[in-house]
Amino acid sequence: MKKINLSIKNTVVPIDFNTHFKNLAHIADSLNHGASKHYKKMGLTYVDVPEIVGITGACENVDTLFVIQNRNGIPLFFAQTGQLSLEQILQTLPGAYTVIHSGRDEEYEDARHLRQFRLTEEEFDCTLVNMNRDNYDEEKMFQALLNHIQCAVQAMIYEVIQDHQSLLENTYHRDIEVLHYTSSHDFQQISYGDAVELLNDNGFPKVQFGDDLKSEHEACVIEVLNKGETELPVFITKYPKDIKFFNMKVSEKDPRVVLSADLILPYAGEATGSAVREHDFKKLDERLTNSTMFKLHTQRGGTYDDFKWYLDIIKSKKTNPHAGYGIGNERVLQYIFGEKDIRNVSLFSLLNNQTGDWDKSKQGNNKFVK
């Protein structure tokens, strides 16, 4: 079997395919176990969510939705996120988590993009932060959200270290002390606005407020904030509302931004998207109908009614104000390994390389392809 050339902290580490696959499977298993232990300790319930869904299974980018053919001709898609399903579940539970196979219809996979990956997601309402609808504080909810994300990611890293410290050190030459430090120290935080100023002062003078930050921008923020001394992940918080998902809550203090946070990991980049959710129906309705996502959806034959079930839940106040996030498991694995190429830490991608299922040359006479 061929060798894989990993790039661990920019140092090439050649390893046999089968050996690496076995190691990666064990490490990914520990990561999942660490997350599950953490959520159970919090008292959250695991709930399976549908992975063949309507348009509400999309993130911001509807262009990368996998279309699912079916006998009834209904427009269905392979879910990119279980977020709205988890919000639906909050009608009966104060908090829940799930792990889905998230799909992205990318033209090809590269060092940063996968077609399918594991996404660990949590939604929780304000009663778990000792609040209710009457005394709700959006900033307190936002800080609770950041804490939930940090604790979940640290639990993943900690479990992997406990189970596989020797393997990571001896086979992959990973600095375990760095991972120990990350698993026990608070992550860095910077607002989007401050991040733009930081970038302007550090080699990216053309970045402006309202731009969607690219991978090289995120890497610069991490490098500057860590000053070469640590590898702590960084929360970039409060992005402009115009470039984020329609149900992210607009800040009362600064209506230009939403109460969102992306967690950026060294080597991996954006590993987590998150936000406090909008619970005011009128504001939510306006944000939806003015969103780029909705305009694209209607241009392609979709309607407002496709979101009606979700809007009705919010309008009827069937859920308490809440927040949530999704963690890309393979991104966390990238950070644990110190690996630049996400394909090398994806079991899906490694398996697909062997099967050739995504090889166009094999599909010429396939009767299932329309």
Protein backbone atom coordinates (compact mmCIF):
# COMPACT_ATOMS: atom_id res chain seq x y z
CA MET A 1 0.00 0.00 0.00
CA LYS A 2 1.21 3.52 -0.84
CA LYS A 3 2.70 5.86 1.70
CA ILE A 4 1.09 9.08 2.84
CA ASN A 5 3.27 12.14 3.29
CA LEU A 6 1.87 14.07 6.22
CA SER A 7 3.07 17.59 6.91
CA ILE A 8 3.23 17.75 10.70
CA LYS A 9 4.12 21.30 11.75
CA ASN A 10 5.58 21.78 8.23
CA THR A 11 7.82 18.70 8.58
CA VAL A 12 7.15 15.82 6.18
CA VAL A 13 6.31 12.57 7.99
CA PRO A 14 5.96 9.61 5.57
CA ILE A 15 3.81 6.77 6.85
CA ASP A 16 2.25 3.62 5.42
CA PHE A 17 -1.42 4.05 4.43
CA ASN A 18 -2.72 1.15 6.49
CA THR A 19 -0.72 2.13 9.56
CA HIS A 20 -1.92 5.72 9.40
CA PHE A 21 -5.52 4.69 8.75
CA LYS A 22 -5.53 2.43 11.80
CA ASN A 23 -3.96 5.15 13.96
CA LEU A 24 -6.38 7.78 12.69
CA ALA A 25 -9.39 5.53 13.32
CA HIS A 26 -8.34 5.04 16.95
CA ILE A 27 -7.66 8.74 17.47
CA ALA A 28 -10.96 9.78 15.87
CA ASP A 29 -12.74 7.28 18.10
CA SER A 30 -11.16 8.85 21.17
CA LEU A 31 -12.13 12.31 19.97
CA ASN A 32 -15.77 11.23 19.61
CA HIS A 33 -15.68 9.53 23.00
CA GLY A 34 -14.26 12.64 24.64
CA ALA A 35 -17.06 14.78 23.21
CA SER A 36 -19.74 12.30 24.26
CA LYS A 37 -18.38 12.08 27.83
CA HIS A 38 -18.35 15.87 28.02
CA TYR A 39 -21.94 16.29 26.86
CA LYS A 40 -23.21 13.53 29.14
CA LYS A 41 -21.46 15.20 32.07
CA MET A 42 -23.30 18.40 31.16
CA GLY A 43 -26.60 16.52 31.22
CA LEU A 44 -27.29 16.91 27.51
CA THR A 45 -29.19 14.33 25.48
CA TYR A 46 -27.85 12.86 22.22
CA VAL A 47 -30.49 13.05 19.49
CA ASP A 48 -30.23 11.74 15.93
CA VAL A 49 -31.36 14.29 13.34
CA PRO A 50 -32.39 13.81 9.69
CA GLU A 51 -29.60 13.99 7.16
CA ILE A 52 -31.89 14.09 4.11
CA VAL A 53 -33.67 17.41 4.50
CA GLY A 54 -35.19 20.44 2.83
CA ILE A 55 -33.49 23.80 2.35
CA THR A 56 -33.35 24.36 6.12
CA GLY A 57 -30.51 21.85 6.26
CA ALA A 58 -28.25 24.39 4.55
CA CYS A 59 -25.58 26.67 5.96
CA GLU A 60 -24.95 30.04 4.30
CA ASN A 61 -23.82 28.55 0.99
CA VAL A 62 -26.70 26.87 -0.85
CA ASP A 63 -24.49 26.37 -3.90
CA THR A 64 -22.72 23.43 -2.23
CA LEU A 65 -25.86 21.48 -1.28
CA PHE A 66 -25.97 17.88 -2.53
CA VAL A 67 -29.29 17.28 -4.30
CA ILE A 68 -30.98 13.97 -3.37
CA GLN A 69 -32.99 12.29 -6.11
CA ASN A 70 -36.24 10.67 -4.97
CA ARG A 71 -39.34 9.02 -6.48
CA ASN A 72 -41.64 11.90 -5.52
CA GLY A 73 -39.56 14.62 -7.13
CA ILE A 74 -39.36 16.59 -3.87
CA PRO A 75 -36.40 19.00 -3.58
CA LEU A 76 -34.34 17.33 -0.84
CA PHE A 77 -30.71 17.71 0.07
CA PHE A 78 -27.92 16.00 2.01
CA ALA A 79 -27.70 18.09 5.19
CA GLN A 80 -24.84 20.50 5.71
CA THR A 81 -25.92 21.06 9.31
CA GLY A 82 -28.38 19.65 11.84
CA GLN A 83 -28.75 23.08 13.42
CA LEU A 84 -32.40 23.78 12.71
CA SER A 85 -33.35 20.22 13.61
CA LEU A 86 -31.62 20.68 16.97
CA GLU A 87 -33.49 23.96 17.42
CA GLN A 88 -36.69 22.04 16.68
CA ILE A 89 -35.73 19.57 19.41
CA LEU A 90 -35.51 22.43 21.94
CA GLN A 91 -39.31 22.41 21.97
CA THR A 92 -39.00 19.43 24.30
CA LEU A 93 -35.44 19.50 25.69
CA PRO A 94 -33.40 22.41 27.12
CA GLY A 95 -30.29 21.20 25.33
CA ALA A 96 -29.20 18.49 22.92
CA TYR A 97 -26.25 17.42 20.78
CA THR A 98 -25.73 15.30 17.70
CA VAL A 99 -23.03 14.17 15.28
CA ILE A 100 -23.89 14.19 11.57
CA HIS A 101 -22.25 13.48 8.26
CA SER A 102 -22.12 16.97 6.72
CA GLY A 103 -22.02 17.18 2.93
CA ARG A 104 -20.54 19.82 0.64
CA ASP A 105 -20.89 19.47 -3.13
CA GLU A 106 -17.38 20.71 -3.83
CA GLU A 107 -15.98 20.29 -7.33
CA TYR A 108 -12.90 18.70 -5.83
CA GLU A 109 -11.31 18.13 -2.44
CA ASP A 110 -8.17 20.04 -1.55
CA ALA A 111 -6.03 20.70 1.52
CA ARG A 112 -8.85 22.75 3.13
CA HIS A 113 -12.12 21.39 1.73
CA LEU A 114 -13.82 18.01 2.08
CA ARG A 115 -17.00 16.76 0.43
CA GLN A 116 -18.16 15.02 3.58
CA PHE A 117 -17.05 15.21 7.19
CA ARG A 118 -18.23 14.71 10.74
CA LEU A 119 -19.92 17.66 12.43
CA THR A 120 -20.52 17.67 16.19
CA GLU A 121 -23.36 20.08 17.03
CA GLU A 122 -24.98 21.40 20.19
CA GLU A 123 -27.97 23.67 20.84
CA PHE A 124 -28.91 24.85 24.31
CA ASP A 125 -31.45 27.29 25.66
CA CYS A 126 -31.16 30.07 28.21
CA THR A 127 -32.56 27.97 31.08
CA LEU A 128 -29.21 26.17 31.16
CA VAL A 129 -27.59 29.55 31.82
CA ASN A 130 -30.01 30.32 34.68
CA MET A 131 -32.14 32.67 32.58
CA ASN A 132 -35.62 32.74 31.10
CA ARG A 133 -37.36 34.81 28.44
CA ASP A 134 -38.14 37.60 30.92
CA ASN A 135 -34.61 38.16 32.26
CA TYR A 136 -32.74 37.15 29.10
CA ASP A 137 -29.33 38.77 28.58
CA GLU A 138 -27.92 38.24 25.08
CA GLU A 139 -24.32 39.03 26.08
CA LYS A 140 -24.46 36.53 28.94
CA MET A 141 -25.81 33.96 26.48
CA PHE A 142 -23.00 34.76 24.05
CA GLN A 143 -20.31 34.23 26.68
CA ALA A 144 -21.96 30.94 27.66
CA LEU A 145 -21.81 29.91 23.99
CA LEU A 146 -18.06 30.54 23.79
CA ASN A 147 -17.56 28.58 27.00
CA HIS A 148 -19.58 25.62 25.68
CA ILE A 149 -17.48 25.51 22.52
CA GLN A 150 -14.15 25.77 24.34
CA CYS A 151 -15.05 23.04 26.82
CA ALA A 152 -16.21 20.67 24.06
CA VAL A 153 -13.06 21.13 21.96
CA GLN A 154 -10.84 20.79 25.02
CA ALA A 155 -12.64 17.58 25.99
CA MET A 156 -11.93 16.16 22.52
CA ILE A 157 -8.24 17.07 22.71
CA TYR A 158 -7.85 15.84 26.29
CA GLU A 159 -9.33 12.41 25.53
CA VAL A 160 -7.02 11.95 22.55
CA ILE A 161 -3.98 12.89 24.65
CA GLN A 162 -5.00 10.49 27.40
CA ASP A 163 -5.36 7.60 24.96
CA HIS A 164 -2.66 8.29 22.38
CA GLN A 165 0.11 10.49 23.79
CA SER A 166 2.87 8.02 22.96
CA LEU A 167 1.56 7.44 19.44
CA LEU A 168 1.38 11.16 18.67
CA GLU A 169 4.84 11.81 20.07
CA ASN A 170 6.72 8.83 18.67
CA THR A 171 5.05 8.25 15.30
CA TYR A 172 3.92 11.75 14.37
CA HIS A 173 6.47 13.79 16.35
CA ARG A 174 3.74 16.03 17.77
CA ASP A 175 4.55 18.32 20.68
CA ILE A 176 2.21 16.97 23.37
CA GLU A 177 2.94 19.77 25.82
CA VAL A 178 1.39 22.21 23.35
CA LEU A 179 -1.79 20.12 23.26
CA HIS A 180 -1.82 19.81 27.06
CA TYR A 181 -1.60 23.59 27.30
CA THR A 182 -4.50 24.08 24.89
CA SER A 183 -6.65 21.56 26.72
CA SER A 184 -6.30 23.47 30.00
CA HIS A 185 -6.10 27.17 29.10
CA ASP A 186 -8.68 29.66 27.85
CA PHE A 187 -8.69 30.26 24.11
CA GLN A 188 -7.84 33.65 22.64
CA GLN A 189 -10.63 36.06 21.62
CA ILE A 190 -10.75 38.98 19.21
CA SER A 191 -13.70 40.77 17.63
CA TYR A 192 -14.04 40.77 13.85
CA GLY A 193 -13.58 44.55 13.80
CA ASP A 194 -10.35 44.33 15.80
CA ALA A 195 -9.20 41.45 13.60
CA VAL A 196 -9.58 43.66 10.52
CA GLU A 197 -7.41 46.32 12.17
CA LEU A 198 -4.86 43.68 13.18
CA LEU A 199 -4.70 42.42 9.59
CA ASN A 200 -4.31 45.96 8.22
CA ASP A 201 -1.27 46.37 10.49
CA ASN A 202 0.22 42.98 9.59
CA GLY A 203 0.44 42.67 5.84
CA PHE A 204 -3.19 42.87 4.70
CA PRO A 205 -3.94 46.59 4.24
CA LYS A 206 -6.83 46.02 1.80
CA VAL A 207 -9.04 43.99 4.16
CA GLN A 208 -12.12 46.04 5.04
CA PHE A 209 -15.03 45.71 7.45
CA GLY A 210 -17.60 43.52 5.72
CA ASP A 211 -15.09 41.24 3.95
CA ASP A 212 -15.31 37.51 4.55
CA LEU A 213 -11.97 36.57 6.10
CA LYS A 214 -9.90 34.08 4.11
CA SER A 215 -7.70 31.26 5.40
CA GLU A 216 -4.53 33.37 5.15
CA HIS A 217 -6.21 36.10 7.20
CA GLU A 218 -7.21 33.62 9.90
CA ALA A 219 -3.67 32.18 10.00
CA CYS A 220 -2.26 35.68 10.45
CA VAL A 221 -4.60 36.43 13.35
CA ILE A 222 -3.56 33.21 15.08
CA GLU A 223 0.14 33.88 14.56
CA VAL A 224 0.00 37.46 15.83
CA LEU A 225 -2.12 36.71 18.90
CA ASN A 226 -0.01 33.72 19.91
CA LYS A 227 3.25 35.60 19.26
CA GLY A 228 5.00 32.32 18.49
CA GLU A 229 4.78 31.24 22.12
CA THR A 230 1.65 29.06 22.12
CA GLU A 231 -0.78 27.41 19.72
CA LEU A 232 -4.02 28.51 21.36
CA PRO A 233 -7.13 28.54 19.19
CA VAL A 234 -8.72 31.94 18.57
CA PHE A 235 -12.37 32.97 18.68
CA ILE A 236 -13.11 35.66 16.09
CA THR A 237 -16.38 37.14 17.30
CA LYS A 238 -19.24 39.36 16.13
CA TYR A 239 -19.04 39.22 12.34
CA PRO A 240 -20.96 41.64 10.09
CA LYS A 241 -24.59 40.56 9.84
CA ASP A 242 -24.61 40.76 6.03
CA ILE A 243 -22.18 37.85 5.62
CA LYS A 244 -23.72 35.49 8.17
CA PHE A 245 -26.69 33.09 8.41
CA PHE A 246 -30.12 34.68 8.70
CA ASN A 247 -30.99 33.44 12.20
CA MET A 248 -27.86 34.74 13.93
CA LYS A 249 -28.96 37.35 16.47
CA VAL A 250 -28.11 40.95 15.64
CA SER A 251 -26.30 42.62 18.53
CA GLU A 252 -28.34 45.19 20.44
CA LYS A 253 -25.14 47.09 21.24
CA ASP A 254 -23.87 47.16 17.64
CA PRO A 255 -26.54 46.49 14.96
CA ARG A 256 -23.84 46.07 12.31
CA VAL A 257 -22.84 42.69 13.72
CA VAL A 258 -24.33 39.41 14.88
CA LEU A 259 -23.58 37.50 18.07
CA SER A 260 -21.52 34.93 16.22
CA ALA A 261 -18.11 33.37 16.69
CA ASP A 262 -15.82 31.29 14.50
CA LEU A 263 -13.21 29.22 16.30
CA ILE A 264 -9.94 29.28 14.35
CA LEU A 265 -7.42 26.51 15.00
CA PRO A 266 -3.71 26.57 14.17
CA TYR A 267 -2.94 24.55 11.01
CA ALA A 268 -6.65 23.86 10.41
CA GLY A 269 -8.39 27.23 10.18
CA GLU A 270 -12.09 27.64 10.91
CA ALA A 271 -13.24 24.66 12.96
CA THR A 272 -16.45 25.98 14.48
CA GLY A 273 -19.27 28.25 13.43
CA SER A 274 -21.63 29.43 16.15
CA ALA A 275 -24.15 32.06 17.17
CA VAL A 276 -26.83 33.14 19.54
CA ARG A 277 -30.09 32.56 17.62
CA GLU A 278 -32.65 35.24 16.88
CA HIS A 279 -35.82 34.62 18.92
CA ASP A 280 -37.77 37.72 17.83
CA PHE A 281 -40.04 36.56 15.00
CA LYS A 282 -40.31 39.91 13.20
CA LYS A 283 -36.55 40.41 13.17
CA LEU A 284 -35.98 36.80 12.09
CA ASP A 285 -38.54 37.06 9.30
CA GLU A 286 -36.96 40.25 7.97
CA ARG A 287 -33.45 38.80 8.11
CA LEU A 288 -34.56 35.71 6.21
CA THR A 289 -36.37 37.48 3.39
CA ASN A 290 -33.49 39.93 2.89
CA SER A 291 -30.77 37.25 2.93
CA THR A 292 -28.73 36.23 -0.10
CA MET A 293 -29.51 32.60 0.74
CA PHE A 294 -33.26 33.22 0.48
CA LYS A 295 -32.94 35.15 -2.78
CA LEU A 296 -30.97 32.30 -4.35
CA HIS A 297 -33.49 29.79 -3.04
CA THR A 298 -36.47 31.61 -4.56
CA GLN A 299 -34.64 32.14 -7.86
CA ARG A 300 -34.32 28.36 -8.07
CA GLY A 301 -37.99 27.69 -7.43
CA GLY A 302 -38.09 27.61 -3.64
CA THR A 303 -40.65 29.48 -1.58
CA TYR A 304 -41.09 31.20 1.77
CA ASP A 305 -43.18 28.24 2.90
CA ASP A 306 -40.07 26.05 2.88
CA PHE A 307 -39.03 27.87 6.08
CA LYS A 308 -42.53 28.14 7.56
CA TRP A 309 -42.24 25.26 10.02
CA TYR A 310 -39.18 26.87 11.60
CA LEU A 311 -40.63 30.38 11.59
CA ASP A 312 -43.83 29.08 13.23
CA ILE A 313 -41.80 27.61 16.12
CA ILE A 314 -40.17 30.98 16.76
CA LYS A 315 -43.38 32.96 16.24
CA SER A 316 -45.29 30.75 18.69
CA LYS A 317 -42.43 30.94 21.23
CA LYS A 318 -42.27 27.15 21.45
CA THR A 319 -38.58 27.34 22.30
CA ASN A 320 -36.72 29.53 24.76
CA PRO A 321 -34.01 31.90 23.47
CA HIS A 322 -31.06 29.71 22.58
CA ALA A 323 -27.62 29.37 21.00
CA GLY A 324 -25.57 26.70 19.30
CA TYR A 325 -22.60 25.65 17.23
CA GLY A 326 -21.05 22.99 15.03
CA ILE A 327 -17.50 21.63 15.39
CA GLY A 328 -15.83 20.11 12.34
CA ASN A 329 -14.25 16.97 13.75
CA GLU A 330 -11.63 16.73 11.03
CA ARG A 331 -10.53 20.29 11.72
CA VAL A 332 -9.88 19.38 15.35
CA LEU A 333 -7.99 16.29 14.17
CA GLN A 334 -5.88 18.55 11.95
CA TYR A 335 -4.92 20.60 14.95
CA ILE A 336 -4.19 17.55 17.10
CA PHE A 337 -1.85 16.17 14.44
CA GLY A 338 -0.48 19.59 13.43
CA GLU A 339 -1.36 18.60 9.85
CA LYS A 340 -1.84 21.13 7.03
CA ASP A 341 -3.84 18.90 4.64
CA ILE A 342 -7.29 18.00 5.95
CA ARG A 343 -7.55 15.05 3.54
CA ASN A 344 -4.82 13.25 5.50
CA VAL A 345 -6.92 13.25 8.69
CA SER A 346 -10.24 12.33 7.06
CA LEU A 347 -11.23 8.67 7.15
CA PHE A 348 -13.82 9.43 4.46
CA SER A 349 -11.26 10.97 2.13
CA LEU A 350 -8.73 8.17 2.66
CA LEU A 351 -11.37 5.53 1.96
CA ASN A 352 -12.60 7.35 -1.14
CA ASN A 353 -9.05 7.52 -2.48
CA GLN A 354 -9.00 3.74 -2.45
CA THR A 355 -12.49 3.16 -3.86
CA GLY A 356 -12.26 5.82 -6.56
CA ASP A 357 -15.94 6.65 -6.14
CA TRP A 358 -15.28 10.30 -7.06
CA ASP A 359 -13.22 9.45 -10.16
CA LYS A 360 -15.12 10.96 -13.13
CA SER A 361 -13.40 8.64 -15.59
CA LYS A 362 -15.16 5.66 -14.00
CA GLN A 363 -18.65 7.09 -14.41
CA GLY A 364 -18.92 7.25 -18.21
CA ASN A 365 -21.34 4.33 -18.64
CA ASN A 366 -22.89 4.36 -15.17
CA LYS A 367 -26.64 3.94 -15.66
CA PHE A 368 -27.36 5.52 -12.29
CA VAL A 369 -25.85 8.85 -13.32
CA LYS A 370 -28.34 11.17 -15.03
